[in-house]
């Protein structure tokens, strides 16, 4: 019984490590879910610029709204 538990634990550790390393490789994640600030290949630089522009406009609009209240 003890031998079965150990091998099951070892199997689970191996599966968990394989899944974790594959996810990190495919998704570009580092340990502890820390993302690097590099863009993904499927997001163009132009799209990232538009996202940044939209965030800045939203921030400006919200700060103006706070001043008026």
C-alpha atoms as a PDB file:
ATOM      1  CA  UNK A   1       0.000   0.000   0.000  1.00  0.00           C
ATOM      2  CA  UNK A   2       2.753   2.442   0.940  1.00  0.00           C
ATOM      3  CA  UNK A   3       4.584   1.632  -2.291  1.00  0.00           C
ATOM      4  CA  UNK A   4       1.459   2.405  -4.368  1.00  0.00           C
ATOM      5  CA  UNK A   5       0.988   5.772  -2.650  1.00  0.00           C
ATOM      6  CA  UNK A   6       4.581   6.734  -3.311  1.00  0.00           C
ATOM      7  CA  UNK A   7       4.426   5.831  -6.976  1.00  0.00           C
ATOM      8  CA  UNK A   8       1.085   7.639  -7.355  1.00  0.00           C
ATOM      9  CA  UNK A   9       2.584  10.738  -5.721  1.00  0.00           C
ATOM     10  CA  UNK A  10       5.621  10.490  -7.982  1.00  0.00           C
ATOM     11  CA  UNK A  11       3.381  10.096 -11.025  1.00  0.00           C
ATOM     12  CA  UNK A  12       1.330  13.133 -10.022  1.00  0.00           C
ATOM     13  CA  UNK A  13       4.483  15.210  -9.483  1.00  0.00           C
ATOM     14  CA  UNK A  14       5.734  14.211 -12.930  1.00  0.00           C
ATOM     15  CA  UNK A  15       2.411  15.066 -14.570  1.00  0.00           C
ATOM     16  CA  UNK A  16       2.207  18.390 -12.726  1.00  0.00           C
ATOM     17  CA  UNK A  17       5.758  19.354 -13.710  1.00  0.00           C
ATOM     18  CA  UNK A  18       5.121  18.410 -17.349  1.00  0.00           C
ATOM     19  CA  UNK A  19       1.910  20.449 -17.484  1.00  0.00           C
ATOM     20  CA  UNK A  20       3.501  23.434 -15.767  1.00  0.00           C
ATOM     21  CA  UNK A  21       6.546  23.517 -18.021  1.00  0.00           C
ATOM     22  CA  UNK A  22       4.421  23.073 -21.156  1.00  0.00           C
ATOM     23  CA  UNK A  23       2.101  25.902 -20.115  1.00  0.00           C
ATOM     24  CA  UNK A  24       5.057  28.157 -19.380  1.00  0.00           C
ATOM     25  CA  UNK A  25       6.576  27.400 -22.758  1.00  0.00           C
ATOM     26  CA  UNK A  26       3.366  27.751 -24.779  1.00  0.00           C
ATOM     27  CA  UNK A  27       1.831  30.691 -22.931  1.00  0.00           C
ATOM     28  CA  UNK A  28       5.074  32.510 -22.254  1.00  0.00           C
ATOM     29  CA  UNK A  29       4.619  32.512 -18.499  1.00  0.00           C
ATOM     30  CA  UNK A  30       7.335  32.348 -15.916  1.00  0.00           C
ATOM     31  CA  UNK A  31       7.179  30.675 -12.538  1.00  0.00           C
ATOM     32  CA  UNK A  32       4.641  32.041 -10.070  1.00  0.00           C
ATOM     33  CA  UNK A  33       2.458  33.390 -12.917  1.00  0.00           C
ATOM     34  CA  UNK A  34       4.673  36.413 -13.513  1.00  0.00           C
ATOM     35  CA  UNK A  35       4.228  37.608 -17.070  1.00  0.00           C
ATOM     36  CA  UNK A  36       6.973  39.296 -18.996  1.00  0.00           C
ATOM     37  CA  UNK A  37       6.054  42.565 -20.637  1.00  0.00           C
ATOM     38  CA  UNK A  38       6.834  41.348 -24.119  1.00  0.00           C
ATOM     39  CA  UNK A  39       4.035  41.326 -26.634  1.00  0.00           C
ATOM     40  CA  UNK A  40       2.728  38.081 -28.005  1.00  0.00           C
ATOM     41  CA  UNK A  41       3.431  37.373 -31.651  1.00  0.00           C
ATOM     42  CA  UNK A  42      -0.269  37.449 -32.512  1.00  0.00           C
ATOM     43  CA  UNK A  43      -0.707  41.013 -31.169  1.00  0.00           C
ATOM     44  CA  UNK A  44       0.708  43.602 -33.523  1.00  0.00           C
ATOM     45  CA  UNK A  45       2.604  46.677 -32.367  1.00  0.00           C
ATOM     46  CA  UNK A  46      -0.137  48.849 -33.883  1.00  0.00           C
ATOM     47  CA  UNK A  47      -2.765  47.090 -31.777  1.00  0.00           C
ATOM     48  CA  UNK A  48      -0.680  47.557 -28.647  1.00  0.00           C
ATOM     49  CA  UNK A  49      -0.321  51.259 -29.489  1.00  0.00           C
ATOM     50  CA  UNK A  50      -4.104  51.576 -29.893  1.00  0.00           C
ATOM     51  CA  UNK A  51      -4.653  49.853 -26.549  1.00  0.00           C
ATOM     52  CA  UNK A  52      -2.204  52.222 -24.854  1.00  0.00           C
ATOM     53  CA  UNK A  53      -3.831  55.234 -26.541  1.00  0.00           C
ATOM     54  CA  UNK A  54      -7.289  54.107 -25.389  1.00  0.00           C
ATOM     55  CA  UNK A  55      -6.069  53.633 -21.808  1.00  0.00           C
ATOM     56  CA  UNK A  56      -4.534  57.114 -21.788  1.00  0.00           C
ATOM     57  CA  UNK A  57      -7.730  58.713 -23.120  1.00  0.00           C
ATOM     58  CA  UNK A  58      -9.775  56.851 -20.534  1.00  0.00           C
ATOM     59  CA  UNK A  59      -7.417  57.994 -17.778  1.00  0.00           C
ATOM     60  CA  UNK A  60      -7.699  61.628 -18.953  1.00  0.00           C
ATOM     61  CA  UNK A  61     -11.490  61.415 -19.140  1.00  0.00           C
ATOM     62  CA  UNK A  62     -11.721  59.920 -15.667  1.00  0.00           C
ATOM     63  CA  UNK A  63      -9.408  62.525 -14.154  1.00  0.00           C
ATOM     64  CA  UNK A  64     -11.473  65.352 -15.713  1.00  0.00           C
ATOM     65  CA  UNK A  65     -14.639  63.754 -14.373  1.00  0.00           C
ATOM     66  CA  UNK A  66     -13.164  63.630 -10.850  1.00  0.00           C
ATOM     67  CA  UNK A  67     -12.268  67.331 -11.034  1.00  0.00           C
ATOM     68  CA  UNK A  68     -15.830  68.264 -12.023  1.00  0.00           C
ATOM     69  CA  UNK A  69     -17.461  66.436  -9.102  1.00  0.00           C
END
